[in-house]
Amino acid sequence: MSGQSRLVGVEFMEMAEVLFEPVPDGHSYSMAHLKGRLEAIASKPAEFEQLKRTKDIDRALPRLVVAVTLMERFNYPELVLTSRQLGTGLIIEAGLRARR
């Protein structure tokens, strides 16, 4: 993943739909924007309490944390969303092939 210019967010569209305004496929978020949203949630207990009642927050919030973490770790300046999804079987198969 190192050396890439941006992170493609497969399975991150749900995060955007829950935590941000609706966006089209291919929309990008800067690291500063995502990190700012995460910090705002973490620093405002009232906002967090309200978010906990939001539908699918248990799927969206972990994706935001993962996006920010990956972007920081691999120095990606932006996350580009895609509506494509990968089935669990495809992910496992790709991982097994990579281990060989």
Protein backbone atom coordinates (compact mmCIF):
# COMPACT_ATOMS: atom_id res chain seq x y z
CA MET A 1 0.00 0.00 0.00
CA SER A 2 2.98 2.29 0.41
CA GLY A 3 3.76 4.55 -2.50
CA GLN A 4 0.18 4.91 -3.66
CA SER A 5 -1.22 8.40 -4.16
CA ARG A 6 -4.63 7.76 -2.61
CA LEU A 7 -6.67 5.17 -0.78
CA VAL A 8 -9.63 3.71 -2.67
CA GLY A 9 -12.41 3.17 -0.17
CA VAL A 10 -14.05 -0.11 -1.10
CA GLU A 11 -16.79 -0.71 1.48
CA PHE A 12 -16.55 2.89 2.76
CA MET A 13 -19.60 4.35 1.00
CA GLU A 14 -21.76 3.37 3.98
CA MET A 15 -19.50 5.43 6.23
CA ALA A 16 -20.01 8.46 4.01
CA GLU A 17 -23.78 7.99 3.85
CA VAL A 18 -24.10 7.86 7.64
CA LEU A 19 -21.48 10.38 8.79
CA PHE A 20 -21.44 12.92 5.94
CA GLU A 21 -23.75 14.42 3.33
CA PRO A 22 -24.67 12.05 0.47
CA VAL A 23 -21.93 11.97 -2.16
CA PRO A 24 -21.55 10.36 -5.58
CA ASP A 25 -19.37 7.39 -6.41
CA GLY A 26 -15.81 8.61 -6.90
CA HIS A 27 -16.08 11.43 -4.37
CA SER A 28 -12.91 12.03 -2.39
CA TYR A 29 -12.27 13.17 1.17
CA SER A 30 -9.02 14.67 2.37
CA MET A 31 -7.30 13.20 5.39
CA ALA A 32 -7.84 16.50 7.20
CA HIS A 33 -11.60 16.32 6.55
CA LEU A 34 -11.96 12.74 7.81
CA LYS A 35 -9.65 13.29 10.77
CA GLY A 36 -11.53 16.47 11.66
CA ARG A 37 -14.84 14.61 11.65
CA LEU A 38 -13.43 11.86 13.86
CA GLU A 39 -11.94 14.37 16.30
CA ALA A 40 -15.23 16.28 16.43
CA ILE A 41 -17.10 13.10 17.34
CA ALA A 42 -14.52 12.11 19.95
CA SER A 43 -14.38 15.55 21.57
CA LYS A 44 -18.12 16.17 21.85
CA PRO A 45 -19.89 13.66 24.11
CA ALA A 46 -23.32 15.05 23.22
CA GLU A 47 -22.70 14.52 19.49
CA PHE A 48 -21.45 11.01 20.17
CA GLU A 49 -24.55 10.19 22.23
CA GLN A 50 -26.74 11.40 19.37
CA LEU A 51 -24.73 9.43 16.79
CA LYS A 52 -25.12 6.23 18.81
CA ARG A 53 -28.83 6.38 17.99
CA THR A 54 -28.20 6.72 14.25
CA LYS A 55 -29.06 3.77 12.03
CA ASP A 56 -25.94 1.82 10.94
CA ILE A 57 -23.56 3.85 13.11
CA ASP A 58 -22.04 0.58 14.33
CA ARG A 59 -20.92 -0.05 10.73
CA ALA A 60 -20.02 3.53 9.79
CA LEU A 61 -17.95 4.73 12.74
CA PRO A 62 -15.42 1.85 12.66
CA ARG A 63 -14.92 2.53 8.94
CA LEU A 64 -14.09 6.16 9.72
CA VAL A 65 -11.52 5.05 12.29
CA VAL A 66 -10.00 2.57 9.82
CA ALA A 67 -9.90 5.17 7.03
CA VAL A 68 -8.09 7.72 9.19
CA THR A 69 -5.70 5.09 10.55
CA LEU A 70 -4.78 3.75 7.09
CA MET A 71 -4.38 7.24 5.68
CA GLU A 72 -2.06 8.24 8.51
CA ARG A 73 -0.06 5.00 8.43
CA PHE A 74 0.53 5.01 4.66
CA ASN A 75 0.53 8.78 4.20
CA TYR A 76 -2.46 8.93 1.85
CA PRO A 77 -3.65 12.50 1.28
CA GLU A 78 -7.16 11.41 0.25
CA LEU A 79 -9.73 8.63 0.31
CA VAL A 80 -11.72 8.05 -2.89
CA LEU A 81 -15.08 6.35 -2.42
CA THR A 82 -16.41 3.60 -4.59
CA SER A 83 -19.79 1.96 -4.34
CA ARG A 84 -18.24 -1.39 -5.22
CA GLN A 85 -18.22 -4.01 -2.53
CA LEU A 86 -16.09 -7.09 -2.04
CA GLY A 87 -17.58 -10.28 -0.77
CA THR A 88 -15.87 -11.86 2.21
CA GLY A 89 -14.93 -14.89 0.15
CA LEU A 90 -13.05 -12.76 -2.37
CA ILE A 91 -11.12 -11.03 0.40
CA ILE A 92 -10.16 -14.35 2.01
CA GLU A 93 -9.12 -15.84 -1.35
CA ALA A 94 -6.94 -12.81 -2.13
CA GLY A 95 -5.29 -13.06 1.28
CA LEU A 96 -4.58 -16.76 0.82
CA ARG A 97 -3.06 -16.16 -2.62
CA ALA A 98 -0.83 -13.42 -1.18
CA ARG A 99 0.48 -15.78 1.50
CA ARG A 100 1.70 -18.35 -1.07
